[in-house]
PDB file of N, CA and C in Angstrom:
ATOM      1  N   UNK A   1       0.825  -1.211   0.000  1.00  0.00           N
ATOM      2  CA  UNK A   1       0.000   0.000   0.000  1.00  0.00           C
ATOM      3  C   UNK A   1       0.861   1.263   0.000  1.00  0.00           C
ATOM      4  N   UNK A   2       0.390   2.262  -0.701  1.00  0.00           N
ATOM      5  CA  UNK A   2       1.128   3.516  -0.833  1.00  0.00           C
ATOM      6  C   UNK A   2       1.039   4.283   0.483  1.00  0.00           C
ATOM      7  N   UNK A   3       2.195   4.689   1.009  1.00  0.00           N
ATOM      8  CA  UNK A   3       2.140   5.422   2.274  1.00  0.00           C
ATOM      9  C   UNK A   3       1.810   6.887   2.004  1.00  0.00           C
ATOM     10  N   UNK A   4       1.083   7.464   2.929  1.00  0.00           N
ATOM     11  CA  UNK A   4       0.678   8.859   2.786  1.00  0.00           C
ATOM     12  C   UNK A   4       1.884   9.763   3.021  1.00  0.00           C
ATOM     13  N   UNK A   5       2.015  10.775   2.165  1.00  0.00           N
ATOM     14  CA  UNK A   5       3.100  11.738   2.336  1.00  0.00           C
ATOM     15  C   UNK A   5       2.617  12.815   3.314  1.00  0.00           C
ATOM     16  N   UNK A   6       3.265  12.865   4.458  1.00  0.00           N
ATOM     17  CA  UNK A   6       2.896  13.820   5.507  1.00  0.00           C
ATOM     18  C   UNK A   6       4.115  14.686   5.837  1.00  0.00           C
ATOM     19  N   UNK A   7       3.891  15.860   6.447  1.00  0.00           N
ATOM     20  CA  UNK A   7       5.038  16.663   6.883  1.00  0.00           C
ATOM     21  C   UNK A   7       5.977  15.860   7.784  1.00  0.00           C
ATOM     22  N   UNK A   8       5.406  15.004   8.651  1.00  0.00           N
ATOM     23  CA  UNK A   8       6.231  14.208   9.569  1.00  0.00           C
ATOM     24  C   UNK A   8       7.141  13.245   8.805  1.00  0.00           C
ATOM     25  N   UNK A   9       6.588  12.605   7.769  1.00  0.00           N
ATOM     26  CA  UNK A   9       7.396  11.701   6.931  1.00  0.00           C
ATOM     27  C   UNK A   9       8.516  12.484   6.245  1.00  0.00           C
ATOM     28  N   UNK A  10       8.188  13.640   5.703  1.00  0.00           N
ATOM     29  CA  UNK A  10       9.180  14.478   5.017  1.00  0.00           C
ATOM     30  C   UNK A  10      10.277  14.907   5.994  1.00  0.00           C
ATOM     31  N   UNK A  11       9.892  15.329   7.194  1.00  0.00           N
ATOM     32  CA  UNK A  11      10.877  15.736   8.211  1.00  0.00           C
ATOM     33  C   UNK A  11      11.844  14.586   8.480  1.00  0.00           C
ATOM     34  N   UNK A  12      11.310  13.377   8.664  1.00  0.00           N
ATOM     35  CA  UNK A  12      12.128  12.210   8.975  1.00  0.00           C
ATOM     36  C   UNK A  12      13.117  11.909   7.844  1.00  0.00           C
ATOM     37  N   UNK A  13      12.635  11.913   6.618  1.00  0.00           N
ATOM     38  CA  UNK A  13      13.482  11.553   5.472  1.00  0.00           C
ATOM     39  C   UNK A  13      14.540  12.622   5.207  1.00  0.00           C
ATOM     40  N   UNK A  14      14.164  13.888   5.303  1.00  0.00           N
ATOM     41  CA  UNK A  14      15.143  14.964   5.103  1.00  0.00           C
ATOM     42  C   UNK A  14      16.215  14.910   6.204  1.00  0.00           C
ATOM     43  N   UNK A  15      15.783  14.701   7.441  1.00  0.00           N
ATOM     44  CA  UNK A  15      16.739  14.612   8.556  1.00  0.00           C
ATOM     45  C   UNK A  15      17.720  13.461   8.320  1.00  0.00           C
ATOM     46  N   UNK A  16      17.197  12.285   7.952  1.00  0.00           N
ATOM     47  CA  UNK A  16      18.065  11.126   7.670  1.00  0.00           C
ATOM     48  C   UNK A  16      19.045  11.452   6.550  1.00  0.00           C
ATOM     49  N   UNK A  17      18.533  12.068   5.494  1.00  0.00           N
ATOM     50  CA  UNK A  17      19.366  12.386   4.326  1.00  0.00           C
ATOM     51  C   UNK A  17      20.547  13.286   4.696  1.00  0.00           C
ATOM     52  N   UNK A  18      20.288  14.274   5.538  1.00  0.00           N
ATOM     53  CA  UNK A  18      21.330  15.241   5.906  1.00  0.00           C
ATOM     54  C   UNK A  18      22.113  14.835   7.162  1.00  0.00           C
ATOM     55  N   UNK A  19      21.765  13.683   7.754  1.00  0.00           N
ATOM     56  CA  UNK A  19      22.494  13.210   8.921  1.00  0.00           C
ATOM     57  C   UNK A  19      22.261  14.059  10.161  1.00  0.00           C
ATOM     58  N   UNK A  20      21.061  14.622  10.268  1.00  0.00           N
ATOM     59  CA  UNK A  20      20.683  15.389  11.458  1.00  0.00           C
ATOM     60  C   UNK A  20      19.432  14.741  12.049  1.00  0.00           C
ATOM     61  N   UNK A  21      19.006  15.193  13.198  1.00  0.00           N
ATOM     62  CA  UNK A  21      17.812  14.597  13.807  1.00  0.00           C
ATOM     63  C   UNK A  21      16.572  15.410  13.427  1.00  0.00           C
ATOM     64  N   UNK A  22      15.406  14.755  13.434  1.00  0.00           N
ATOM     65  CA  UNK A  22      14.165  15.515  13.218  1.00  0.00           C
ATOM     66  C   UNK A  22      14.048  16.682  14.200  1.00  0.00           C
ATOM     67  N   UNK A  23      14.557  16.492  15.416  1.00  0.00           N
ATOM     68  CA  UNK A  23      14.519  17.578  16.412  1.00  0.00           C
ATOM     69  C   UNK A  23      15.315  18.796  15.942  1.00  0.00           C
ATOM     70  N   UNK A  24      16.422  18.557  15.193  1.00  0.00           N
ATOM     71  CA  UNK A  24      17.199  19.673  14.644  1.00  0.00           C
ATOM     72  C   UNK A  24      16.363  20.479  13.654  1.00  0.00           C
ATOM     73  N   UNK A  25      15.623  19.781  12.795  1.00  0.00           N
ATOM     74  CA  UNK A  25      14.784  20.476  11.813  1.00  0.00           C
ATOM     75  C   UNK A  25      13.712  21.295  12.523  1.00  0.00           C
ATOM     76  N   UNK A  26      13.195  20.771  13.628  1.00  0.00           N
ATOM     77  CA  UNK A  26      12.146  21.476  14.369  1.00  0.00           C
ATOM     78  C   UNK A  26      12.693  22.560  15.287  1.00  0.00           C
ATOM     79  N   UNK A  27      14.006  22.570  15.501  1.00  0.00           N
ATOM     80  CA  UNK A  27      14.595  23.542  16.419  1.00  0.00           C
ATOM     81  C   UNK A  27      14.663  24.926  15.780  1.00  0.00           C
ATOM     82  N   UNK A  28      15.012  25.913  16.574  1.00  0.00           N
ATOM     83  CA  UNK A  28      15.148  27.270  16.028  1.00  0.00           C
ATOM     84  C   UNK A  28      16.619  27.592  15.754  1.00  0.00           C
ATOM     85  N   UNK A  29      17.469  26.566  15.694  1.00  0.00           N
ATOM     86  CA  UNK A  29      18.890  26.788  15.405  1.00  0.00           C
ATOM     87  C   UNK A  29      19.032  27.473  14.049  1.00  0.00           C
ATOM     88  N   UNK A  30      20.011  28.333  13.933  1.00  0.00           N
ATOM     89  CA  UNK A  30      20.186  29.118  12.712  1.00  0.00           C
ATOM     90  C   UNK A  30      21.433  28.735  11.915  1.00  0.00           C
ATOM     91  N   UNK A  31      22.123  27.666  12.316  1.00  0.00           N
ATOM     92  CA  UNK A  31      23.348  27.293  11.596  1.00  0.00           C
ATOM     93  C   UNK A  31      22.973  26.741  10.212  1.00  0.00           C
ATOM     94  N   UNK A  32      23.838  26.976   9.240  1.00  0.00           N
ATOM     95  CA  UNK A  32      23.558  26.622   7.848  1.00  0.00           C
ATOM     96  C   UNK A  32      23.257  25.134   7.683  1.00  0.00           C
ATOM     97  N   UNK A  33      23.932  24.292   8.473  1.00  0.00           N
ATOM     98  CA  UNK A  33      23.710  22.852   8.333  1.00  0.00           C
ATOM     99  C   UNK A  33      22.322  22.417   8.826  1.00  0.00           C
ATOM    100  N   UNK A  34      21.621  23.302   9.512  1.00  0.00           N
ATOM    101  CA  UNK A  34      20.252  23.028   9.959  1.00  0.00           C
ATOM    102  C   UNK A  34      19.239  23.816   9.126  1.00  0.00           C
ATOM    103  N   UNK A  35      19.553  25.086   8.832  1.00  0.00           N
ATOM    104  CA  UNK A  35      18.617  25.951   8.107  1.00  0.00           C
ATOM    105  C   UNK A  35      18.325  25.409   6.706  1.00  0.00           C
ATOM    106  N   UNK A  36      19.355  24.965   6.000  1.00  0.00           N
ATOM    107  CA  UNK A  36      19.176  24.468   4.628  1.00  0.00           C
ATOM    108  C   UNK A  36      18.238  23.249   4.576  1.00  0.00           C
ATOM    109  N   UNK A  37      18.479  22.203   5.382  1.00  0.00           N
ATOM    110  CA  UNK A  37      17.530  21.089   5.380  1.00  0.00           C
ATOM    111  C   UNK A  37      16.130  21.505   5.838  1.00  0.00           C
ATOM    112  N   UNK A  38      16.052  22.456   6.792  1.00  0.00           N
ATOM    113  CA  UNK A  38      14.741  22.925   7.256  1.00  0.00           C
ATOM    114  C   UNK A  38      13.987  23.579   6.101  1.00  0.00           C
ATOM    115  N   UNK A  39      14.681  24.414   5.314  1.00  0.00           N
ATOM    116  CA  UNK A  39      14.021  25.077   4.188  1.00  0.00           C
ATOM    117  C   UNK A  39      13.622  24.073   3.111  1.00  0.00           C
ATOM    118  N   UNK A  40      14.456  23.074   2.888  1.00  0.00           N
ATOM    119  CA  UNK A  40      14.096  22.023   1.926  1.00  0.00           C
ATOM    120  C   UNK A  40      12.846  21.284   2.411  1.00  0.00           C
ATOM    121  N   UNK A  41      12.772  21.041   3.717  1.00  0.00           N
ATOM    122  CA  UNK A  41      11.581  20.404   4.295  1.00  0.00           C
ATOM    123  C   UNK A  41      10.341  21.255   4.039  1.00  0.00           C
ATOM    124  N   UNK A  42      10.463  22.558   4.245  1.00  0.00           N
ATOM    125  CA  UNK A  42       9.335  23.477   4.002  1.00  0.00           C
ATOM    126  C   UNK A  42       8.894  23.393   2.540  1.00  0.00           C
ATOM    127  N   UNK A  43       9.867  23.431   1.639  1.00  0.00           N
ATOM    128  CA  UNK A  43       9.593  23.370   0.207  1.00  0.00           C
ATOM    129  C   UNK A  43       8.876  22.064  -0.146  1.00  0.00           C
ATOM    130  N   UNK A  44       9.404  20.948   0.330  1.00  0.00           N
ATOM    131  CA  UNK A  44       8.819  19.649   0.005  1.00  0.00           C
ATOM    132  C   UNK A  44       7.425  19.489   0.612  1.00  0.00           C
ATOM    133  N   UNK A  45       7.207  20.034   1.805  1.00  0.00           N
ATOM    134  CA  UNK A  45       5.871  19.988   2.413  1.00  0.00           C
ATOM    135  C   UNK A  45       4.862  20.742   1.542  1.00  0.00           C
ATOM    136  N   UNK A  46       5.289  21.872   1.012  1.00  0.00           N
ATOM    137  CA  UNK A  46       4.381  22.654   0.157  1.00  0.00           C
ATOM    138  C   UNK A  46       4.127  21.941  -1.174  1.00  0.00           C
ATOM    139  N   UNK A  47       5.169  21.270  -1.718  1.00  0.00           N
ATOM    140  CA  UNK A  47       5.060  20.633  -3.019  1.00  0.00           C
ATOM    141  C   UNK A  47       4.339  19.280  -2.971  1.00  0.00           C
ATOM    142  N   UNK A  48       4.574  18.530  -1.911  1.00  0.00           N
ATOM    143  CA  UNK A  48       4.185  17.121  -1.904  1.00  0.00           C
ATOM    144  C   UNK A  48       2.995  16.778  -1.012  1.00  0.00           C
ATOM    145  N   UNK A  49       2.504  17.751  -0.249  1.00  0.00           N
ATOM    146  CA  UNK A  49       1.346  17.466   0.600  1.00  0.00           C
ATOM    147  C   UNK A  49       0.232  18.459   0.286  1.00  0.00           C
ATOM    148  N   UNK A  50      -0.965  18.108   0.712  1.00  0.00           N
ATOM    149  CA  UNK A  50      -2.096  19.032   0.587  1.00  0.00           C
ATOM    150  C   UNK A  50      -2.363  19.737   1.907  1.00  0.00           C
ATOM    151  N   UNK A  51      -1.366  19.706   2.793  1.00  0.00           N
ATOM    152  CA  UNK A  51      -1.514  20.309   4.117  1.00  0.00           C
ATOM    153  C   UNK A  51      -1.459  21.834   3.988  1.00  0.00           C
ATOM    154  N   UNK A  52      -2.381  22.510   4.653  1.00  0.00           N
ATOM    155  CA  UNK A  52      -2.421  23.974   4.634  1.00  0.00           C
ATOM    156  C   UNK A  52      -1.162  24.534   5.306  1.00  0.00           C
ATOM    157  N   UNK A  53      -0.836  25.774   4.974  1.00  0.00           N
ATOM    158  CA  UNK A  53       0.333  26.438   5.568  1.00  0.00           C
ATOM    159  C   UNK A  53       0.342  26.340   7.091  1.00  0.00           C
ATOM    160  N   UNK A  54      -0.820  26.554   7.705  1.00  0.00           N
ATOM    161  CA  UNK A  54      -0.893  26.489   9.168  1.00  0.00           C
ATOM    162  C   UNK A  54      -0.506  25.096   9.652  1.00  0.00           C
ATOM    163  N   UNK A  55      -0.943  24.075   8.942  1.00  0.00           N
ATOM    164  CA  UNK A  55      -0.627  22.696   9.313  1.00  0.00           C
ATOM    165  C   UNK A  55       0.858  22.401   9.175  1.00  0.00           C
ATOM    166  N   UNK A  56       1.462  22.913   8.104  1.00  0.00           N
ATOM    167  CA  UNK A  56       2.910  22.745   7.909  1.00  0.00           C
ATOM    168  C   UNK A  56       3.648  23.497   9.016  1.00  0.00           C
ATOM    169  N   UNK A  57       3.188  24.699   9.305  1.00  0.00           N
ATOM    170  CA  UNK A  57       3.791  25.494  10.379  1.00  0.00           C
ATOM    171  C   UNK A  57       3.724  24.776  11.710  1.00  0.00           C
ATOM    172  N   UNK A  58       2.587  24.137  11.967  1.00  0.00           N
ATOM    173  CA  UNK A  58       2.418  23.395  13.217  1.00  0.00           C
ATOM    174  C   UNK A  58       3.383  22.200  13.242  1.00  0.00           C
ATOM    175  N   UNK A  59       3.467  21.461  12.130  1.00  0.00           N
ATOM    176  CA  UNK A  59       4.353  20.287  12.060  1.00  0.00           C
ATOM    177  C   UNK A  59       5.820  20.691  12.237  1.00  0.00           C
ATOM    178  N   UNK A  60       6.183  21.848  11.680  1.00  0.00           N
ATOM    179  CA  UNK A  60       7.578  22.306  11.749  1.00  0.00           C
ATOM    180  C   UNK A  60       7.824  23.248  12.931  1.00  0.00           C
ATOM    181  N   UNK A  61       6.765  23.478  13.708  1.00  0.00           N
ATOM    182  CA  UNK A  61       6.858  24.347  14.886  1.00  0.00           C
ATOM    183  C   UNK A  61       7.406  25.729  14.538  1.00  0.00           C
ATOM    184  N   UNK A  62       6.836  26.313  13.470  1.00  0.00           N
ATOM    185  CA  UNK A  62       7.250  27.652  13.040  1.00  0.00           C
ATOM    186  C   UNK A  62       6.059  28.376  12.431  1.00  0.00           C
ATOM    187  N   UNK A  63       6.243  29.643  12.107  1.00  0.00           N
ATOM    188  CA  UNK A  63       5.146  30.448  11.568  1.00  0.00           C
ATOM    189  C   UNK A  63       4.984  30.282  10.061  1.00  0.00           C
ATOM    190  N   UNK A  64       3.815  30.685   9.562  1.00  0.00           N
ATOM    191  CA  UNK A  64       3.538  30.538   8.133  1.00  0.00           C
ATOM    192  C   UNK A  64       4.464  31.410   7.277  1.00  0.00           C
ATOM    193  N   UNK A  65       4.842  32.592   7.784  1.00  0.00           N
ATOM    194  CA  UNK A  65       5.757  33.446   7.001  1.00  0.00           C
ATOM    195  C   UNK A  65       7.099  32.764   6.777  1.00  0.00           C
ATOM    196  N   UNK A  66       7.586  32.065   7.818  1.00  0.00           N
ATOM    197  CA  UNK A  66       8.851  31.335   7.674  1.00  0.00           C
ATOM    198  C   UNK A  66       8.713  30.214   6.647  1.00  0.00           C
ATOM    199  N   UNK A  67       7.561  29.543   6.653  1.00  0.00           N
ATOM    200  CA  UNK A  67       7.321  28.458   5.687  1.00  0.00           C
ATOM    201  C   UNK A  67       7.358  29.028   4.271  1.00  0.00           C
ATOM    202  N   UNK A  68       6.635  30.122   4.051  1.00  0.00           N
ATOM    203  CA  UNK A  68       6.591  30.739   2.715  1.00  0.00           C
ATOM    204  C   UNK A  68       7.997  31.164   2.294  1.00  0.00           C
ATOM    205  N   UNK A  69       8.709  31.838   3.200  1.00  0.00           N
ATOM    206  CA  UNK A  69      10.060  32.313   2.889  1.00  0.00           C
ATOM    207  C   UNK A  69      10.987  31.149   2.557  1.00  0.00           C
ATOM    208  N   UNK A  70      10.994  30.128   3.409  1.00  0.00           N
ATOM    209  CA  UNK A  70      11.884  28.983   3.211  1.00  0.00           C
ATOM    210  C   UNK A  70      11.569  28.226   1.930  1.00  0.00           C
ATOM    211  N   UNK A  71      10.288  27.992   1.690  1.00  0.00           N
ATOM    212  CA  UNK A  71       9.872  27.259   0.490  1.00  0.00           C
ATOM    213  C   UNK A  71      10.202  28.059  -0.771  1.00  0.00           C
ATOM    214  N   UNK A  72       9.952  29.363  -0.743  1.00  0.00           N
ATOM    215  CA  UNK A  72      10.258  30.219  -1.903  1.00  0.00           C
ATOM    216  C   UNK A  72      11.753  30.251  -2.179  1.00  0.00           C
ATOM    217  N   UNK A  73      12.539  30.300  -1.114  1.00  0.00           N
ATOM    218  CA  UNK A  73      13.995  30.342  -1.268  1.00  0.00           C
ATOM    219  C   UNK A  73      14.491  29.090  -1.994  1.00  0.00           C
ATOM    220  N   UNK A  74      13.988  27.924  -1.587  1.00  0.00           N
ATOM    221  CA  UNK A  74      14.398  26.678  -2.232  1.00  0.00           C
ATOM    222  C   UNK A  74      13.830  26.594  -3.653  1.00  0.00           C
ATOM    223  N   UNK A  75      12.606  27.064  -3.853  1.00  0.00           N
ATOM    224  CA  UNK A  75      12.009  27.060  -5.200  1.00  0.00           C
ATOM    225  C   UNK A  75      12.899  27.835  -6.187  1.00  0.00           C
ATOM    226  N   UNK A  76      13.423  28.982  -5.745  1.00  0.00           N
ATOM    227  CA  UNK A  76      14.325  29.775  -6.593  1.00  0.00           C
ATOM    228  C   UNK A  76      15.665  29.068  -6.765  1.00  0.00           C
ATOM    229  N   UNK A  77      16.162  28.495  -5.670  1.00  0.00           N
ATOM    230  CA  UNK A  77      17.453  27.811  -5.647  1.00  0.00           C
ATOM    231  C   UNK A  77      17.477  26.616  -6.624  1.00  0.00           C
ATOM    232  N   UNK A  78      16.357  25.887  -6.674  1.00  0.00           N
ATOM    233  CA  UNK A  78      16.244  24.709  -7.548  1.00  0.00           C
ATOM    234  C   UNK A  78      16.442  25.111  -9.016  1.00  0.00           C
ATOM    235  N   UNK A  79      16.029  26.317  -9.356  1.00  0.00           N
ATOM    236  CA  UNK A  79      16.128  26.794 -10.740  1.00  0.00           C
ATOM    237  C   UNK A  79      17.546  27.163 -11.150  1.00  0.00           C
ATOM    238  N   UNK A  80      18.353  27.581 -10.189  1.00  0.00           N
ATOM    239  CA  UNK A  80      19.696  28.087 -10.535  1.00  0.00           C
ATOM    240  C   UNK A  80      20.836  27.226 -10.017  1.00  0.00           C
ATOM    241  N   UNK A  81      20.546  26.322  -9.082  1.00  0.00           N
ATOM    242  CA  UNK A  81      21.616  25.552  -8.452  1.00  0.00           C
ATOM    243  C   UNK A  81      21.387  24.059  -8.691  1.00  0.00           C
ATOM    244  N   UNK A  82      22.241  23.467  -9.499  1.00  0.00           N
ATOM    245  CA  UNK A  82      22.119  22.059  -9.872  1.00  0.00           C
ATOM    246  C   UNK A  82      22.191  21.142  -8.649  1.00  0.00           C
ATOM    247  N   UNK A  83      23.049  21.475  -7.692  1.00  0.00           N
ATOM    248  CA  UNK A  83      23.200  20.650  -6.488  1.00  0.00           C
ATOM    249  C   UNK A  83      21.897  20.607  -5.693  1.00  0.00           C
ATOM    250  N   UNK A  84      21.289  21.775  -5.511  1.00  0.00           N
ATOM    251  CA  UNK A  84      20.016  21.831  -4.785  1.00  0.00           C
ATOM    252  C   UNK A  84      18.948  21.059  -5.541  1.00  0.00           C
ATOM    253  N   UNK A  85      18.891  21.223  -6.854  1.00  0.00           N
ATOM    254  CA  UNK A  85      17.906  20.513  -7.668  1.00  0.00           C
ATOM    255  C   UNK A  85      18.082  19.000  -7.507  1.00  0.00           C
ATOM    256  N   UNK A  86      19.327  18.529  -7.589  1.00  0.00           N
ATOM    257  CA  UNK A  86      19.592  17.098  -7.444  1.00  0.00           C
ATOM    258  C   UNK A  86      19.199  16.602  -6.054  1.00  0.00           C
ATOM    259  N   UNK A  87      19.534  17.384  -5.032  1.00  0.00           N
ATOM    260  CA  UNK A  87      19.184  17.016  -3.656  1.00  0.00           C
ATOM    261  C   UNK A  87      17.673  16.882  -3.514  1.00  0.00           C
ATOM    262  N   UNK A  88      16.928  17.863  -4.036  1.00  0.00           N
ATOM    263  CA  UNK A  88      15.472  17.835  -3.960  1.00  0.00           C
ATOM    264  C   UNK A  88      14.920  16.629  -4.727  1.00  0.00           C
ATOM    265  N   UNK A  89      15.466  16.361  -5.916  1.00  0.00           N
ATOM    266  CA  UNK A  89      15.007  15.212  -6.707  1.00  0.00           C
ATOM    267  C   UNK A  89      15.229  13.892  -5.967  1.00  0.00           C
ATOM    268  N   UNK A  90      16.395  13.745  -5.354  1.00  0.00           N
ATOM    269  CA  UNK A  90      16.710  12.530  -4.583  1.00  0.00           C
ATOM    270  C   UNK A  90      15.718  12.380  -3.424  1.00  0.00           C
ATOM    271  N   UNK A  91      15.462  13.484  -2.723  1.00  0.00           N
ATOM    272  CA  UNK A  91      14.547  13.440  -1.576  1.00  0.00           C
ATOM    273  C   UNK A  91      13.122  13.100  -2.013  1.00  0.00           C
ATOM    274  N   UNK A  92      12.679  13.642  -3.138  1.00  0.00           N
ATOM    275  CA  UNK A  92      11.339  13.334  -3.648  1.00  0.00           C
ATOM    276  C   UNK A  92      11.216  11.834  -3.912  1.00  0.00           C
ATOM    277  N   UNK A  93      12.265  11.244  -4.502  1.00  0.00           N
ATOM    278  CA  UNK A  93      12.238   9.792  -4.759  1.00  0.00           C
ATOM    279  C   UNK A  93      12.243   8.993  -3.462  1.00  0.00           C
ATOM    280  N   UNK A  94      12.965   9.457  -2.446  1.00  0.00           N
ATOM    281  CA  UNK A  94      12.976   8.765  -1.153  1.00  0.00           C
ATOM    282  C   UNK A  94      11.605   8.855  -0.462  1.00  0.00           C
ATOM    283  N   UNK A  95      10.975  10.016  -0.591  1.00  0.00           N
ATOM    284  CA  UNK A  95       9.691  10.252   0.088  1.00  0.00           C
ATOM    285  C   UNK A  95       8.577   9.487  -0.606  1.00  0.00           C
ATOM    286  N   UNK A  96       8.585   9.513  -1.927  1.00  0.00           N
ATOM    287  CA  UNK A  96       7.483   8.894  -2.689  1.00  0.00           C
ATOM    288  C   UNK A  96       8.072   8.108  -3.861  1.00  0.00           C
ATOM    289  N   UNK A  97       8.521   6.866  -3.600  1.00  0.00           N
ATOM    290  CA  UNK A  97       9.227   6.081  -4.628  1.00  0.00           C
ATOM    291  C   UNK A  97       8.346   5.673  -5.814  1.00  0.00           C
ATOM    292  N   UNK A  98       7.029   5.826  -5.741  1.00  0.00           N
ATOM    293  CA  UNK A  98       6.151   5.318  -6.807  1.00  0.00           C
ATOM    294  C   UNK A  98       6.371   6.025  -8.140  1.00  0.00           C
TER     295      UNK A  98
END
């Protein structure tokens, strides 16, 4: 059976991919090694789930403005940065292999 793509699933897979804990993604730490995966998580939650912004914000323990900012930043990054695009593509396949 196909597993449902949820913010929690995305958080877990992104954390595993980057070698950090889900708690790091949910934390308010500002170091680049945490912020980048957190923003990718925001982007993937917006792209791959039907969860409203408030729901994503609740799952990531942050505000909707941060979700919009983080997701938009990665959306732009994917267009100009091959590494980010590849990382996002790999994560999408890990999250939803079908």
